[in-house]
Protein backbone atom coordinates (compact mmCIF):
# COMPACT_ATOMS: atom_id res chain seq x y z
CA MET A 1 200.04 85.00 2.36
CA LEU A 2 200.41 88.78 2.49
CA SER A 3 204.16 88.53 3.03
CA ASP A 4 204.54 86.41 -0.11
CA TYR A 5 202.57 88.92 -2.18
CA LEU A 6 204.55 91.84 -0.75
CA GLU A 7 207.85 90.09 -1.41
CA LYS A 8 206.93 89.64 -5.09
CA GLN A 9 206.00 93.32 -5.37
CA LEU A 10 209.24 94.41 -3.73
CA GLN A 11 211.30 92.27 -6.08
CA ARG A 12 210.21 94.54 -8.93
CA ASP A 13 212.06 97.39 -7.21
CA ASP A 14 215.01 95.17 -6.32
CA ILE A 15 214.21 95.45 -2.59
CA SER A 16 214.22 92.43 -0.30
CA LEU A 17 211.57 91.75 2.32
CA GLU A 18 214.26 92.09 4.98
CA GLU A 19 215.18 95.57 3.70
CA PHE A 20 211.50 96.51 3.79
CA ARG A 21 211.23 95.31 7.39
CA GLU A 22 214.36 97.24 8.37
CA LEU A 23 212.87 100.47 7.02
CA CYS A 24 209.47 99.96 8.67
CA LEU A 25 210.96 98.96 12.02
CA ARG A 26 213.18 102.04 11.98
CA LEU A 27 210.14 104.24 11.41
CA LEU A 28 208.15 102.47 14.12
CA ASN A 29 210.97 102.71 16.65
CA TRP A 30 211.86 106.34 16.01
CA GLY A 31 208.74 107.78 14.37
CA VAL A 32 210.88 109.97 12.16
CA LEU A 33 213.50 109.66 9.43
CA SER A 34 215.70 112.52 8.23
CA ARG A 35 217.99 112.07 5.24
CA ASN A 36 220.49 114.64 6.50
CA GLU A 37 220.90 113.04 9.93
CA SER A 38 223.29 110.21 9.09
CA GLN A 39 224.46 107.82 6.40
CA VAL A 40 222.10 105.16 7.75
CA GLU A 41 219.07 107.44 7.53
CA GLN A 42 220.13 108.61 4.08
CA THR A 43 220.15 105.00 2.88
CA LEU A 44 216.77 104.25 4.46
CA TYR A 45 215.21 107.47 3.14
CA ASP A 46 216.39 106.74 -0.40
CA ARG A 47 214.98 103.22 -0.03
CA PHE A 48 211.65 104.70 1.02
CA LEU A 49 211.54 106.79 -2.15
CA ARG A 50 211.78 103.60 -4.22
CA ILE A 51 208.96 101.78 -2.42
CA GLU A 52 206.91 104.63 -0.95
CA SER A 53 203.54 103.22 -2.02
CA HIS A 54 204.24 99.86 -0.37
CA VAL A 55 205.34 101.48 2.89
CA ARG A 56 202.29 103.73 2.96
CA ASP A 57 199.97 100.78 2.30
CA TYR A 58 201.61 98.80 5.10
CA PHE A 59 201.13 101.54 7.69
CA HIS A 60 197.68 102.46 6.36
CA MET A 61 196.41 99.02 7.40
CA VAL A 62 196.84 100.00 11.06
CA GLY A 63 195.79 103.61 10.64
CA ILE A 64 199.27 105.16 10.75
CA GLN A 65 199.85 108.03 8.34
CA ILE A 66 203.14 109.22 6.91
CA PHE A 67 203.96 112.89 6.48
CA HIS A 68 206.64 113.26 3.80
CA ASP A 69 208.40 116.58 3.29
CA ARG A 70 210.22 116.19 -0.02
CA LYS A 71 211.75 119.67 0.12
CA PHE A 72 213.66 118.97 3.33
CA SER A 73 213.84 115.17 2.87
CA TYR A 74 212.27 113.80 6.01
CA LEU A 75 209.39 111.56 7.12
CA ARG A 76 207.31 111.53 10.28
CA LEU A 77 204.70 108.99 11.38
CA TYR A 78 201.35 110.10 12.80
CA PRO A 79 199.18 107.74 14.88
CA PRO A 80 195.47 107.10 14.21
CA GLY A 81 193.41 110.20 14.90
CA ALA A 82 196.33 112.63 14.73
CA GLN A 83 196.06 115.71 12.55
CA VAL A 84 198.64 115.44 9.79
CA PRO A 85 199.99 118.68 8.29
CA GLY A 86 198.25 119.45 5.01
CA MET A 87 195.59 116.77 5.52
CA VAL A 88 192.03 116.94 6.80
CA GLU A 89 191.51 115.16 10.11
CA THR A 90 189.01 112.36 9.60
CA GLU A 91 189.04 110.60 12.98
CA SER A 92 188.79 111.67 16.59
CA GLU A 93 190.31 108.53 18.09
CA ILE A 94 192.74 109.21 20.91
CA ILE A 95 195.52 106.80 21.79
CA SER A 96 198.32 107.06 24.32
CA GLY A 97 201.87 105.81 24.29
CA GLY A 98 203.76 104.64 21.22
CA LEU A 99 203.85 107.29 18.50
CA ARG A 100 201.94 109.70 20.72
CA GLU A 101 204.31 109.52 23.66
CA ARG A 102 203.89 112.52 25.94
CA LEU A 103 206.72 114.96 26.44
CA ARG A 104 207.85 116.22 29.81
CA GLN A 105 207.18 119.84 30.71
CA ASP A 106 210.79 120.90 30.13
CA GLU A 107 210.73 119.17 26.74
CA VAL A 108 207.48 120.89 25.76
CA ALA A 109 208.91 124.27 26.78
CA LEU A 110 212.06 123.80 24.70
CA VAL A 111 210.11 122.53 21.69
CA LEU A 112 207.94 125.66 21.76
CA ILE A 113 210.99 127.92 21.98
CA LEU A 114 212.66 126.08 19.12
CA ARG A 115 209.60 126.78 16.97
CA LEU A 116 209.46 130.44 18.00
CA GLN A 117 213.17 130.95 17.31
CA TYR A 118 212.83 129.19 13.98
CA ASP A 119 209.94 131.45 12.95
CA LYS A 120 211.94 134.50 14.00
CA ALA A 121 214.92 133.42 11.89
CA LEU A 122 212.57 132.66 9.00
CA LEU A 123 211.23 136.22 9.04
CA GLU A 124 214.78 137.56 9.17
CA GLY A 125 215.88 135.35 6.28
CA LYS A 126 218.49 133.50 8.34
CA LEU A 127 217.80 129.95 7.10
CA ASP A 128 220.63 128.02 5.46
CA ASP A 129 220.34 126.22 2.13
CA GLN A 130 218.84 123.13 3.81
CA GLY A 131 216.25 125.11 5.77
CA TYR A 132 218.05 124.85 9.13
CA VAL A 133 218.46 127.68 11.63
CA LEU A 134 221.68 128.10 13.59
CA GLU A 135 220.99 129.01 17.22
CA SER A 136 223.13 129.31 20.34
CA LEU A 137 222.21 127.72 23.66
CA GLU A 138 222.52 131.16 25.21
CA SER A 139 219.83 132.53 22.89
CA LEU A 140 217.56 129.60 23.64
CA ASN A 141 218.01 130.11 27.37
CA ILE A 142 217.23 133.82 27.09
CA ALA A 143 214.09 133.07 25.08
CA LEU A 144 212.99 130.48 27.64
CA LYS A 145 213.35 133.01 30.45
CA ASN A 146 211.70 135.91 28.62
CA LEU A 147 208.77 134.01 27.11
CA LEU A 148 208.10 131.09 29.44
CA ASN A 149 209.86 132.11 32.65
CA ARG A 150 211.94 128.94 32.52
CA SER A 151 215.58 128.09 31.89
CA LEU A 152 217.70 125.23 30.65
CA PRO A 153 218.63 122.68 33.34
CA ASP A 154 221.63 123.68 35.43
CA LYS A 155 222.75 120.08 35.85
CA LEU A 156 224.79 118.93 32.89
CA THR A 157 223.28 115.42 32.89
CA GLU A 158 219.72 116.80 32.74
CA ARG A 159 220.66 119.25 29.99
CA LYS A 160 222.26 116.47 27.95
CA GLN A 161 219.15 114.34 28.41
CA LEU A 162 216.94 117.20 27.22
CA PHE A 163 218.93 117.88 24.07
CA THR A 164 219.36 114.16 23.36
CA ARG A 165 215.57 113.92 23.33
CA MET A 166 215.33 116.85 20.91
CA ARG A 167 217.80 115.14 18.62
CA GLN A 168 215.92 111.84 18.82
CA LEU A 169 212.83 113.70 17.65
CA ARG A 170 215.02 115.11 14.83
CA LEU A 171 214.12 118.66 15.87
CA ILE A 172 217.74 119.72 16.25
CA GLU A 173 221.09 118.68 14.89
CA HIS A 174 224.52 118.88 16.43
CA ARG A 175 227.68 116.99 15.66
CA GLN A 176 229.66 117.42 18.88
CA GLU A 177 228.84 115.22 21.86
CA ASN A 178 229.77 117.97 24.33
CA VAL A 179 227.62 120.59 22.60
CA VAL A 180 225.57 121.30 25.74
CA ASP A 181 228.60 121.72 28.01
CA SER A 182 228.81 125.44 27.32
CA SER A 183 226.27 128.24 26.87
CA GLU A 184 228.39 129.37 23.92
CA ALA A 185 227.64 126.16 22.01
CA TRP A 186 225.46 126.15 18.90
CA ILE A 187 222.83 123.80 17.50
CA ARG A 188 220.85 123.71 14.26
CA ILE A 189 217.04 123.73 14.39
CA HIS A 190 215.52 121.34 11.86
CA PRO A 191 212.81 122.72 9.52
CA MET A 192 210.43 119.93 10.63
CA ILE A 193 209.89 121.94 13.84
CA VAL A 194 207.26 123.88 11.87
CA ASN A 195 205.10 120.79 11.45
CA PHE A 196 205.86 119.41 14.90
CA VAL A 197 204.46 122.41 16.77
CA SER A 198 200.98 123.56 15.79
CA ASN A 199 200.04 127.18 15.20
CA ASP A 200 197.43 126.79 17.95
CA ALA A 201 200.22 126.17 20.45
CA LEU A 202 201.99 129.34 19.35
CA ALA A 203 198.74 131.30 19.55
CA ALA A 204 198.30 130.08 23.13
CA ILE A 205 201.74 131.45 24.02
CA ASP A 206 200.98 134.80 22.37
CA GLU A 207 197.69 135.00 24.27
CA SER A 208 199.42 134.21 27.56
CA LEU A 209 202.11 136.83 26.93
CA ALA A 210 199.43 139.41 26.08
CA VAL A 211 197.68 138.71 29.37
CA ASP A 212 200.94 139.05 31.30
CA GLU A 213 201.70 142.39 29.63
CA SER A 214 198.19 143.64 30.34
CA GLU A 215 198.50 142.71 34.03
CA ALA A 216 201.90 144.37 34.25
CA GLU A 217 200.53 147.60 32.77
CA HIS A 218 197.59 147.49 35.17
CA VAL A 219 199.95 147.16 38.16
CA SER A 220 202.04 150.06 36.88
């Protein structure tokens, strides 16, 4: 059986089949693994490094690809047909749900702003040693209004839900549970935001902003 063969291979790296399953299930459930997020993810990430080829082979059987950023120590799963950063797209298959779960409009808007703010900080040389960018909620809200004519939710419960989702995607990091209670609070934008949001999406925003400016000048 395949499980018997895999178990023998894992024994060479002193990894049990149960530990292999724990790692794979974590990736399937969350779709992402960041070593700097928690002690649990640090342990699982280090385990992945020891058995990377086995994990890749396992997911390859069902068409799932793994993007591994060694510089910033994180993994992200990509479903069949998805374009993986740094890899040529070989399939056009489209699937819904699971790893390709759709984001709500407010989530999409915030993700785009996170990427834009990250790029801005990158140009200004404001990244920390781990590649993160420190950003205030006030700055994010201002960027949302100026660029997308939106704002963060006024209701605290909705705002918490929004930022919880961003943290689940490992796009931001914050240590305080009440971080969204105040506009003066700060979060850290994870470097994986660069690979999460495509350049095409940013180009679409720039094009939209250019059209708005052109219309405004015409009215003037």
